[in-house]
Amino acid sequence: VLILVMFIGGCAGSTGGGMKVVRILILLRYSRAELFKVIHP
């Protein structure tokens, strides 16, 4: 669980490091949009 969390990081504009929560969130929404396109081209 700790290792998985290590890959996330803090929010954009924070003092935290990592890949940043906003990037993870946008990537997840982008992936969802791409899956939707597979069903509805």
PDB file of all heavy atoms in Angstrom:
ATOM      1  N   VAL A   1       0.845  -1.201   0.000  1.00  0.00           N
ATOM      2  CA  VAL A   1       0.000   0.000   0.000  1.00  0.00           C
ATOM      3  C   VAL A   1       0.877   1.247   0.000  1.00  0.00           C
ATOM      4  O   VAL A   1       0.642   2.195  -0.760  1.00  0.00           O
ATOM      5  CB  VAL A   1      -0.945   0.010   1.222  1.00  0.00           C
ATOM      6  CG1 VAL A   1      -1.716   1.329   1.292  1.00  0.00           C
ATOM      7  CG2 VAL A   1      -1.919  -1.156   1.150  1.00  0.00           C
ATOM      8  N   LEU A   2       1.929   1.236   0.820  1.00  0.00           N
ATOM      9  CA  LEU A   2       2.835   2.384   0.878  1.00  0.00           C
ATOM     10  C   LEU A   2       3.567   2.586  -0.443  1.00  0.00           C
ATOM     11  O   LEU A   2       3.744   3.721  -0.903  1.00  0.00           O
ATOM     12  CB  LEU A   2       3.851   2.197   2.011  1.00  0.00           C
ATOM     13  CG  LEU A   2       3.293   2.168   3.441  1.00  0.00           C
ATOM     14  CD1 LEU A   2       4.434   2.004   4.435  1.00  0.00           C
ATOM     15  CD2 LEU A   2       2.499   3.434   3.749  1.00  0.00           C
ATOM     16  N   ILE A   3       3.996   1.494  -1.077  1.00  0.00           N
ATOM     17  CA  ILE A   3       4.698   1.590  -2.359  1.00  0.00           C
ATOM     18  C   ILE A   3       3.793   2.195  -3.426  1.00  0.00           C
ATOM     19  O   ILE A   3       4.216   3.060  -4.210  1.00  0.00           O
ATOM     20  CB  ILE A   3       5.210   0.208  -2.806  1.00  0.00           C
ATOM     21  CG1 ILE A   3       6.356  -0.246  -1.897  1.00  0.00           C
ATOM     22  CG2 ILE A   3       5.678   0.237  -4.264  1.00  0.00           C
ATOM     23  CD1 ILE A   3       6.827  -1.666  -2.150  1.00  0.00           C
ATOM     24  N   LEU A   4       2.536   1.779  -3.468  1.00  0.00           N
ATOM     25  CA  LEU A   4       1.596   2.328  -4.445  1.00  0.00           C
ATOM     26  C   LEU A   4       1.394   3.825  -4.237  1.00  0.00           C
ATOM     27  O   LEU A   4       1.349   4.604  -5.188  1.00  0.00           O
ATOM     28  CB  LEU A   4       0.251   1.590  -4.362  1.00  0.00           C
ATOM     29  CG  LEU A   4       0.258   0.137  -4.840  1.00  0.00           C
ATOM     30  CD1 LEU A   4      -1.095  -0.512  -4.566  1.00  0.00           C
ATOM     31  CD2 LEU A   4       0.589   0.055  -6.331  1.00  0.00           C
ATOM     32  N   VAL A   5       1.296   4.236  -2.968  1.00  0.00           N
ATOM     33  CA  VAL A   5       1.095   5.649  -2.650  1.00  0.00           C
ATOM     34  C   VAL A   5       2.323   6.473  -3.041  1.00  0.00           C
ATOM     35  O   VAL A   5       2.207   7.656  -3.381  1.00  0.00           O
ATOM     36  CB  VAL A   5       0.766   5.804  -1.145  1.00  0.00           C
ATOM     37  CG1 VAL A   5       0.776   7.260  -0.727  1.00  0.00           C
ATOM     38  CG2 VAL A   5      -0.605   5.205  -0.842  1.00  0.00           C
ATOM     39  N   MET A   6       3.512   5.852  -3.000  1.00  0.00           N
ATOM     40  CA  MET A   6       4.749   6.560  -3.357  1.00  0.00           C
ATOM     41  C   MET A   6       4.715   7.117  -4.778  1.00  0.00           C
ATOM     42  O   MET A   6       5.383   8.107  -5.079  1.00  0.00           O
ATOM     43  CB  MET A   6       5.957   5.621  -3.229  1.00  0.00           C
ATOM     44  CG  MET A   6       6.404   5.341  -1.818  1.00  0.00           C
ATOM     45  SD  MET A   6       7.852   4.249  -1.802  1.00  0.00           S
ATOM     46  CE  MET A   6       8.142   4.097  -0.035  1.00  0.00           C
ATOM     47  N   PHE A   7       3.957   6.498  -5.654  1.00  0.00           N
ATOM     48  CA  PHE A   7       3.923   6.915  -7.050  1.00  0.00           C
ATOM     49  C   PHE A   7       2.942   8.067  -7.306  1.00  0.00           C
ATOM     50  O   PHE A   7       2.819   8.524  -8.434  1.00  0.00           O
ATOM     51  CB  PHE A   7       3.569   5.729  -7.957  1.00  0.00           C
ATOM     52  CG  PHE A   7       4.718   4.788  -8.182  1.00  0.00           C
ATOM     53  CD1 PHE A   7       4.927   3.716  -7.341  1.00  0.00           C
ATOM     54  CD2 PHE A   7       5.600   4.995  -9.236  1.00  0.00           C
ATOM     55  CE1 PHE A   7       5.990   2.845  -7.533  1.00  0.00           C
ATOM     56  CE2 PHE A   7       6.669   4.127  -9.444  1.00  0.00           C
ATOM     57  CZ  PHE A   7       6.864   3.057  -8.592  1.00  0.00           C
ATOM     58  N   ILE A   8       2.222   8.504  -6.279  1.00  0.00           N
ATOM     59  CA  ILE A   8       1.208   9.548  -6.484  1.00  0.00           C
ATOM     60  C   ILE A   8       1.758  10.933  -6.201  1.00  0.00           C
ATOM     61  O   ILE A   8       1.837  11.777  -7.080  1.00  0.00           O
ATOM     62  CB  ILE A   8      -0.038   9.256  -5.619  1.00  0.00           C
ATOM     63  CG1 ILE A   8      -0.655   7.911  -6.029  1.00  0.00           C
ATOM     64  CG2 ILE A   8      -1.064  10.389  -5.773  1.00  0.00           C
ATOM     65  CD1 ILE A   8      -1.782   7.454  -5.130  1.00  0.00           C
ATOM     66  N   GLY A   9       2.142  11.196  -4.961  1.00  0.00           N
ATOM     67  CA  GLY A   9       2.658  12.515  -4.612  1.00  0.00           C
ATOM     68  C   GLY A   9       1.569  13.469  -4.172  1.00  0.00           C
ATOM     69  O   GLY A   9       0.396  13.108  -4.059  1.00  0.00           O
ATOM     70  N   GLY A  10       1.961  14.721  -3.921  1.00  0.00           N
ATOM     71  CA  GLY A  10       1.018  15.741  -3.459  1.00  0.00           C
ATOM     72  C   GLY A  10       0.282  16.398  -4.608  1.00  0.00           C
ATOM     73  O   GLY A  10       0.338  15.956  -5.757  1.00  0.00           O
ATOM     74  N   CYS A  11      -0.415  17.478  -4.291  1.00  0.00           N
ATOM     75  CA  CYS A  11      -1.168  18.227  -5.305  1.00  0.00           C
ATOM     76  C   CYS A  11      -0.239  19.182  -6.052  1.00  0.00           C
ATOM     77  O   CYS A  11       0.821  19.561  -5.554  1.00  0.00           O
ATOM     78  CB  CYS A  11      -2.284  19.031  -4.644  1.00  0.00           C
ATOM     79  SG  CYS A  11      -3.527  18.024  -3.801  1.00  0.00           S
ATOM     80  N   ALA A  12      -0.652  19.579  -7.247  1.00  0.00           N
ATOM     81  CA  ALA A  12       0.063  20.629  -7.968  1.00  0.00           C
ATOM     82  C   ALA A  12       0.011  21.909  -7.147  1.00  0.00           C
ATOM     83  O   ALA A  12      -1.007  22.210  -6.526  1.00  0.00           O
ATOM     84  CB  ALA A  12      -0.572  20.851  -9.334  1.00  0.00           C
ATOM     85  N   GLY A  13       1.112  22.662  -7.110  1.00  0.00           N
ATOM     86  CA  GLY A  13       1.132  23.891  -6.332  1.00  0.00           C
ATOM     87  C   GLY A  13       1.342  23.670  -4.852  1.00  0.00           C
ATOM     88  O   GLY A  13       1.268  24.616  -4.067  1.00  0.00           O
ATOM     89  N   SER A  14       1.612  22.425  -4.443  1.00  0.00           N
ATOM     90  CA  SER A  14       1.915  22.127  -3.045  1.00  0.00           C
ATOM     91  C   SER A  14       3.430  22.061  -2.880  1.00  0.00           C
ATOM     92  O   SER A  14       4.182  22.249  -3.840  1.00  0.00           O
ATOM     93  CB  SER A  14       1.292  20.789  -2.639  1.00  0.00           C
ATOM     94  OG  SER A  14       2.000  19.707  -3.244  1.00  0.00           O
ATOM     95  N   THR A  15       3.874  21.765  -1.674  1.00  0.00           N
ATOM     96  CA  THR A  15       5.308  21.557  -1.461  1.00  0.00           C
ATOM     97  C   THR A  15       5.667  20.087  -1.607  1.00  0.00           C
ATOM     98  O   THR A  15       6.825  19.708  -1.435  1.00  0.00           O
ATOM     99  CB  THR A  15       5.740  22.062  -0.066  1.00  0.00           C
ATOM    100  OG1 THR A  15       4.973  21.373   0.930  1.00  0.00           O
ATOM    101  CG2 THR A  15       5.523  23.556   0.059  1.00  0.00           C
ATOM    102  N   GLY A  16       4.679  19.249  -1.903  1.00  0.00           N
ATOM    103  CA  GLY A  16       4.918  17.821  -2.077  1.00  0.00           C
ATOM    104  C   GLY A  16       5.552  17.497  -3.417  1.00  0.00           C
ATOM    105  O   GLY A  16       5.469  18.279  -4.372  1.00  0.00           O
ATOM    106  N   GLY A  17       6.181  16.341  -3.500  1.00  0.00           N
ATOM    107  CA  GLY A  17       6.811  15.905  -4.742  1.00  0.00           C
ATOM    108  C   GLY A  17       5.950  14.884  -5.460  1.00  0.00           C
ATOM    109  O   GLY A  17       4.722  14.922  -5.391  1.00  0.00           O
ATOM    110  N   GLY A  18       6.596  13.929  -6.137  1.00  0.00           N
ATOM    111  CA  GLY A  18       5.873  12.879  -6.843  1.00  0.00           C
ATOM    112  C   GLY A  18       5.309  13.328  -8.172  1.00  0.00           C
ATOM    113  O   GLY A  18       5.573  14.435  -8.653  1.00  0.00           O
ATOM    114  N   MET A  19       4.494  12.472  -8.776  1.00  0.00           N
ATOM    115  CA  MET A  19       3.919  12.776 -10.083  1.00  0.00           C
ATOM    116  C   MET A  19       2.787  13.794 -10.003  1.00  0.00           C
ATOM    117  O   MET A  19       2.406  14.370 -11.013  1.00  0.00           O
ATOM    118  CB  MET A  19       3.431  11.487 -10.757  1.00  0.00           C
ATOM    119  CG  MET A  19       4.559  10.604 -11.235  1.00  0.00           C
ATOM    120  SD  MET A  19       4.031   9.318 -12.404  1.00  0.00           S
ATOM    121  CE  MET A  19       3.218   8.178 -11.297  1.00  0.00           C
ATOM    122  N   LYS A  20       2.239  14.000  -8.839  1.00  0.00           N
ATOM    123  CA  LYS A  20       1.160  14.944  -8.536  1.00  0.00           C
ATOM    124  C   LYS A  20      -0.217  14.335  -8.797  1.00  0.00           C
ATOM    125  O   LYS A  20      -0.452  13.646  -9.778  1.00  0.00           O
ATOM    126  CB  LYS A  20       1.293  16.253  -9.313  1.00  0.00           C
ATOM    127  CG  LYS A  20       2.578  17.019  -9.021  1.00  0.00           C
ATOM    128  CD  LYS A  20       2.620  17.539  -7.599  1.00  0.00           C
ATOM    129  CE  LYS A  20       3.847  18.383  -7.311  1.00  0.00           C
ATOM    130  NZ  LYS A  20       5.119  17.694  -7.441  1.00  0.00           N
ATOM    131  N   VAL A  21      -1.109  14.599  -7.845  1.00  0.00           N
ATOM    132  CA  VAL A  21      -2.471  14.073  -7.869  1.00  0.00           C
ATOM    133  C   VAL A  21      -3.207  14.494  -9.139  1.00  0.00           C
ATOM    134  O   VAL A  21      -3.937  13.707  -9.744  1.00  0.00           O
ATOM    135  CB  VAL A  21      -3.248  14.543  -6.622  1.00  0.00           C
ATOM    136  CG1 VAL A  21      -4.716  14.142  -6.713  1.00  0.00           C
ATOM    137  CG2 VAL A  21      -2.622  13.963  -5.356  1.00  0.00           C
ATOM    138  N   VAL A  22      -3.018  15.741  -9.583  1.00  0.00           N
ATOM    139  CA  VAL A  22      -3.754  16.236 -10.749  1.00  0.00           C
ATOM    140  C   VAL A  22      -3.402  15.431 -12.000  1.00  0.00           C
ATOM    141  O   VAL A  22      -4.272  15.157 -12.840  1.00  0.00           O
ATOM    142  CB  VAL A  22      -3.482  17.742 -10.975  1.00  0.00           C
ATOM    143  CG1 VAL A  22      -2.027  18.015 -11.334  1.00  0.00           C
ATOM    144  CG2 VAL A  22      -4.409  18.288 -12.047  1.00  0.00           C
ATOM    145  N   ARG A  23      -2.147  15.032 -12.145  1.00  0.00           N
ATOM    146  CA  ARG A  23      -1.758  14.232 -13.310  1.00  0.00           C
ATOM    147  C   ARG A  23      -2.424  12.852 -13.270  1.00  0.00           C
ATOM    148  O   ARG A  23      -2.900  12.357 -14.289  1.00  0.00           O
ATOM    149  CB  ARG A  23      -0.236  14.080 -13.366  1.00  0.00           C
ATOM    150  CG  ARG A  23       0.501  15.359 -13.751  1.00  0.00           C
ATOM    151  CD  ARG A  23       1.949  15.057 -14.107  1.00  0.00           C
ATOM    152  NE  ARG A  23       2.647  16.272 -14.515  1.00  0.00           N
ATOM    153  CZ  ARG A  23       3.414  17.002 -13.718  1.00  0.00           C
ATOM    154  NH1 ARG A  23       3.583  16.626 -12.454  1.00  0.00           N
ATOM    155  NH2 ARG A  23       4.016  18.099 -14.165  1.00  0.00           N
ATOM    156  N   ILE A  24      -2.437  12.249 -12.092  1.00  0.00           N
ATOM    157  CA  ILE A  24      -3.076  10.931 -11.944  1.00  0.00           C
ATOM    158  C   ILE A  24      -4.563  11.038 -12.276  1.00  0.00           C
ATOM    159  O   ILE A  24      -5.123  10.202 -12.995  1.00  0.00           O
ATOM    160  CB  ILE A  24      -2.894  10.382 -10.515  1.00  0.00           C
ATOM    161  CG1 ILE A  24      -1.403  10.307 -10.140  1.00  0.00           C
ATOM    162  CG2 ILE A  24      -3.561   9.022 -10.374  1.00  0.00           C
ATOM    163  CD1 ILE A  24      -0.591   9.361 -10.992  1.00  0.00           C
ATOM    164  N   LEU A  25      -5.209  12.090 -11.764  1.00  0.00           N
ATOM    165  CA  LEU A  25      -6.647  12.275 -11.981  1.00  0.00           C
ATOM    166  C   LEU A  25      -6.952  12.487 -13.461  1.00  0.00           C
ATOM    167  O   LEU A  25      -7.871  11.865 -14.013  1.00  0.00           O
ATOM    168  CB  LEU A  25      -7.141  13.467 -11.161  1.00  0.00           C
ATOM    169  CG  LEU A  25      -8.615  13.849 -11.314  1.00  0.00           C
ATOM    170  CD1 LEU A  25      -9.514  12.672 -10.964  1.00  0.00           C
ATOM    171  CD2 LEU A  25      -8.949  15.063 -10.448  1.00  0.00           C
ATOM    172  N   ILE A  26      -6.185  13.357 -14.124  1.00  0.00           N
ATOM    173  CA  ILE A  26      -6.433  13.623 -15.549  1.00  0.00           C
ATOM    174  C   ILE A  26      -6.148  12.382 -16.395  1.00  0.00           C
ATOM    175  O   ILE A  26      -6.884  12.094 -17.345  1.00  0.00           O
ATOM    176  CB  ILE A  26      -5.594  14.827 -16.029  1.00  0.00           C
ATOM    177  CG1 ILE A  26      -6.139  16.124 -15.393  1.00  0.00           C
ATOM    178  CG2 ILE A  26      -5.627  14.949 -17.555  1.00  0.00           C
ATOM    179  CD1 ILE A  26      -5.320  17.360 -15.703  1.00  0.00           C
ATOM    180  N   LEU A  27      -5.115  11.629 -16.043  1.00  0.00           N
ATOM    181  CA  LEU A  27      -4.822  10.391 -16.770  1.00  0.00           C
ATOM    182  C   LEU A  27      -5.952   9.380 -16.630  1.00  0.00           C
ATOM    183  O   LEU A  27      -6.311   8.695 -17.595  1.00  0.00           O
ATOM    184  CB  LEU A  27      -3.515   9.767 -16.275  1.00  0.00           C
ATOM    185  CG  LEU A  27      -2.211  10.312 -16.874  1.00  0.00           C
ATOM    186  CD1 LEU A  27      -1.016   9.588 -16.263  1.00  0.00           C
ATOM    187  CD2 LEU A  27      -2.195  10.161 -18.390  1.00  0.00           C
ATOM    188  N   LEU A  28      -6.516   9.277 -15.434  1.00  0.00           N
ATOM    189  CA  LEU A  28      -7.640   8.361 -15.217  1.00  0.00           C
ATOM    190  C   LEU A  28      -8.852   8.791 -16.050  1.00  0.00           C
ATOM    191  O   LEU A  28      -9.532   7.950 -16.658  1.00  0.00           O
ATOM    192  CB  LEU A  28      -8.007   8.310 -13.734  1.00  0.00           C
ATOM    193  CG  LEU A  28      -7.011   7.586 -12.807  1.00  0.00           C
ATOM    194  CD1 LEU A  28      -7.418   7.753 -11.352  1.00  0.00           C
ATOM    195  CD2 LEU A  28      -6.932   6.097 -13.169  1.00  0.00           C
ATOM    196  N   ARG A  29      -9.121  10.087 -16.085  1.00  0.00           N
ATOM    197  CA  ARG A  29     -10.264  10.580 -16.866  1.00  0.00           C
ATOM    198  C   ARG A  29     -10.000  10.434 -18.366  1.00  0.00           C
ATOM    199  O   ARG A  29     -10.919  10.163 -19.141  1.00  0.00           O
ATOM    200  CB  ARG A  29     -10.541  12.042 -16.498  1.00  0.00           C
ATOM    201  CG  ARG A  29     -11.117  12.171 -15.084  1.00  0.00           C
ATOM    202  CD  ARG A  29     -11.438  13.603 -14.705  1.00  0.00           C
ATOM    203  NE  ARG A  29     -12.116  13.635 -13.400  1.00  0.00           N
ATOM    204  CZ  ARG A  29     -12.482  14.750 -12.776  1.00  0.00           C
ATOM    205  NH1 ARG A  29     -12.244  15.934 -13.346  1.00  0.00           N
ATOM    206  NH2 ARG A  29     -13.083  14.689 -11.604  1.00  0.00           N
ATOM    207  N   TYR A  30      -8.757  10.617 -18.758  1.00  0.00           N
ATOM    208  CA  TYR A  30      -8.389  10.419 -20.162  1.00  0.00           C
ATOM    209  C   TYR A  30      -8.567   8.956 -20.561  1.00  0.00           C
ATOM    210  O   TYR A  30      -9.109   8.647 -21.633  1.00  0.00           O
ATOM    211  CB  TYR A  30      -6.941  10.863 -20.374  1.00  0.00           C
ATOM    212  CG  TYR A  30      -6.385  10.539 -21.742  1.00  0.00           C
ATOM    213  CD1 TYR A  30      -6.843  11.200 -22.878  1.00  0.00           C
ATOM    214  CD2 TYR A  30      -5.392   9.568 -21.893  1.00  0.00           C
ATOM    215  CE1 TYR A  30      -6.332  10.903 -24.135  1.00  0.00           C
ATOM    216  CE2 TYR A  30      -4.875   9.265 -23.142  1.00  0.00           C
ATOM    217  CZ  TYR A  30      -5.350   9.933 -24.262  1.00  0.00           C
ATOM    218  OH  TYR A  30      -4.842   9.638 -25.503  1.00  0.00           O
ATOM    219  N   SER A  31      -8.156   8.038 -19.682  1.00  0.00           N
ATOM    220  CA  SER A  31      -8.311   6.603 -19.955  1.00  0.00           C
ATOM    221  C   SER A  31      -9.778   6.221 -20.058  1.00  0.00           C
ATOM    222  O   SER A  31     -10.173   5.428 -20.920  1.00  0.00           O
ATOM    223  CB  SER A  31      -7.636   5.783 -18.841  1.00  0.00           C
ATOM    224  OG  SER A  31      -6.267   6.082 -18.770  1.00  0.00           O
ATOM    225  N   ARG A  32     -10.573   6.809 -19.179  1.00  0.00           N
ATOM    226  CA  ARG A  32     -12.015   6.533 -19.219  1.00  0.00           C
ATOM    227  C   ARG A  32     -12.624   7.039 -20.524  1.00  0.00           C
ATOM    228  O   ARG A  32     -13.466   6.361 -21.134  1.00  0.00           O
ATOM    229  CB  ARG A  32     -12.686   7.217 -18.028  1.00  0.00           C
ATOM    230  CG  ARG A  32     -14.177   6.930 -17.925  1.00  0.00           C
ATOM    231  CD  ARG A  32     -14.780   7.646 -16.724  1.00  0.00           C
ATOM    232  NE  ARG A  32     -16.210   7.448 -16.650  1.00  0.00           N
ATOM    233  CZ  ARG A  32     -17.001   8.043 -15.746  1.00  0.00           C
ATOM    234  NH1 ARG A  32     -16.477   8.872 -14.854  1.00  0.00           N
ATOM    235  NH2 ARG A  32     -18.302   7.832 -15.737  1.00  0.00           N
ATOM    236  N   ALA A  33     -12.181   8.222 -20.974  1.00  0.00           N
ATOM    237  CA  ALA A  33     -12.692   8.775 -22.229  1.00  0.00           C
ATOM    238  C   ALA A  33     -12.290   7.902 -23.413  1.00  0.00           C
ATOM    239  O   ALA A  33     -13.080   7.700 -24.351  1.00  0.00           O
ATOM    240  CB  ALA A  33     -12.161  10.198 -22.426  1.00  0.00           C
ATOM    241  N   GLU A  34     -11.068   7.362 -23.378  1.00  0.00           N
ATOM    242  CA  GLU A  34     -10.606   6.489 -24.456  1.00  0.00           C
ATOM    243  C   GLU A  34     -11.388   5.177 -24.487  1.00  0.00           C
ATOM    244  O   GLU A  34     -11.706   4.650 -25.555  1.00  0.00           O
ATOM    245  CB  GLU A  34      -9.110   6.212 -24.294  1.00  0.00           C
ATOM    246  CG  GLU A  34      -8.213   7.412 -24.585  1.00  0.00           C
ATOM    247  CD  GLU A  34      -8.378   7.916 -26.005  1.00  0.00           C
ATOM    248  OE1 GLU A  34      -8.171   7.134 -26.949  1.00  0.00           O
ATOM    249  OE2 GLU A  34      -8.752   9.103 -26.172  1.00  0.00           O
ATOM    250  N   LEU A  35     -11.710   4.640 -23.304  1.00  0.00           N
ATOM    251  CA  LEU A  35     -12.523   3.412 -23.238  1.00  0.00           C
ATOM    252  C   LEU A  35     -13.923   3.677 -23.789  1.00  0.00           C
ATOM    253  O   LEU A  35     -14.510   2.826 -24.474  1.00  0.00           O
ATOM    254  CB  LEU A  35     -12.615   2.921 -21.790  1.00  0.00           C
ATOM    255  CG  LEU A  35     -11.364   2.268 -21.214  1.00  0.00           C
ATOM    256  CD1 LEU A  35     -11.542   1.988 -19.725  1.00  0.00           C
ATOM    257  CD2 LEU A  35     -11.046   0.961 -21.961  1.00  0.00           C
ATOM    258  N   PHE A  36     -14.454   4.860 -23.503  1.00  0.00           N
ATOM    259  CA  PHE A  36     -15.782   5.231 -24.012  1.00  0.00           C
ATOM    260  C   PHE A  36     -15.771   5.290 -25.536  1.00  0.00           C
ATOM    261  O   PHE A  36     -16.729   4.885 -26.195  1.00  0.00           O
ATOM    262  CB  PHE A  36     -16.190   6.584 -23.415  1.00  0.00           C
ATOM    263  CG  PHE A  36     -17.576   7.026 -23.787  1.00  0.00           C
ATOM    264  CD1 PHE A  36     -18.691   6.512 -23.125  1.00  0.00           C
ATOM    265  CD2 PHE A  36     -17.777   7.943 -24.810  1.00  0.00           C
ATOM    266  CE1 PHE A  36     -19.963   6.907 -23.456  1.00  0.00           C
ATOM    267  CE2 PHE A  36     -19.060   8.346 -25.164  1.00  0.00           C
ATOM    268  CZ  PHE A  36     -20.153   7.834 -24.471  1.00  0.00           C
ATOM    269  N   LYS A  37     -14.655   5.789 -26.093  1.00  0.00           N
ATOM    270  CA  LYS A  37     -14.536   5.891 -27.549  1.00  0.00           C
ATOM    271  C   LYS A  37     -14.479   4.519 -28.208  1.00  0.00           C
ATOM    272  O   LYS A  37     -14.894   4.351 -29.361  1.00  0.00           O
ATOM    273  CB  LYS A  37     -13.292   6.696 -27.919  1.00  0.00           C
ATOM    274  CG  LYS A  37     -13.428   8.185 -27.662  1.00  0.00           C
ATOM    275  CD  LYS A  37     -12.153   8.923 -28.065  1.00  0.00           C
ATOM    276  CE  LYS A  37     -12.264  10.401 -27.754  1.00  0.00           C
ATOM    277  NZ  LYS A  37     -11.023  11.134 -28.116  1.00  0.00           N
ATOM    278  N   VAL A  38     -13.928   3.535 -27.489  1.00  0.00           N
ATOM    279  CA  VAL A  38     -13.881   2.168 -28.034  1.00  0.00           C
ATOM    280  C   VAL A  38     -15.300   1.640 -28.226  1.00  0.00           C
ATOM    281  O   VAL A  38     -15.625   0.989 -29.222  1.00  0.00           O
ATOM    282  CB  VAL A  38     -13.079   1.239 -27.103  1.00  0.00           C
ATOM    283  CG1 VAL A  38     -13.204  -0.216 -27.549  1.00  0.00           C
ATOM    284  CG2 VAL A  38     -11.607   1.654 -27.070  1.00  0.00           C
ATOM    285  N   ILE A  39     -16.175   1.965 -27.269  1.00  0.00           N
ATOM    286  CA  ILE A  39     -17.569   1.500 -27.340  1.00  0.00           C
ATOM    287  C   ILE A  39     -18.370   2.357 -28.319  1.00  0.00           C
ATOM    288  O   ILE A  39     -19.211   1.851 -29.071  1.00  0.00           O
ATOM    289  CB  ILE A  39     -18.210   1.555 -25.932  1.00  0.00           C
ATOM    290  CG1 ILE A  39     -17.407   0.684 -24.963  1.00  0.00           C
ATOM    291  CG2 ILE A  39     -19.662   1.088 -25.981  1.00  0.00           C
ATOM    292  CD1 ILE A  39     -17.812   0.833 -23.524  1.00  0.00           C
ATOM    293  N   HIS A  40     -18.090   3.678 -28.302  1.00  0.00           N
ATOM    294  CA  HIS A  40     -18.815   4.604 -29.174  1.00  0.00           C
ATOM    295  C   HIS A  40     -17.798   5.388 -30.023  1.00  0.00           C
ATOM    296  O   HIS A  40     -17.435   6.519 -29.674  1.00  0.00           O
ATOM    297  CB  HIS A  40     -19.655   5.578 -28.340  1.00  0.00           C
ATOM    298  CG  HIS A  40     -20.590   4.895 -27.391  1.00  0.00           C
ATOM    299  ND1 HIS A  40     -21.777   4.306 -27.793  1.00  0.00           N
ATOM    300  CD2 HIS A  40     -20.510   4.697 -26.048  1.00  0.00           C
ATOM    301  CE1 HIS A  40     -22.394   3.795 -26.739  1.00  0.00           C
ATOM    302  NE2 HIS A  40     -21.649   4.010 -25.667  1.00  0.00           N
ATOM    303  N   PRO A  41     -17.341   4.802 -31.120  1.00  0.00           N
ATOM    304  CA  PRO A  41     -16.263   5.415 -31.931  1.00  0.00           C
ATOM    305  C   PRO A  41     -16.576   6.808 -32.442  1.00  0.00           C
ATOM    306  O   PRO A  41     -15.669   7.618 -32.640  1.00  0.00           O
ATOM    307  CB  PRO A  41     -16.099   4.429 -33.095  1.00  0.00           C
ATOM    308  CG  PRO A  41     -16.668   3.142 -32.599  1.00  0.00           C
ATOM    309  CD  PRO A  41     -17.770   3.511 -31.679  1.00  0.00           C
TER     310      PRO A  41
END
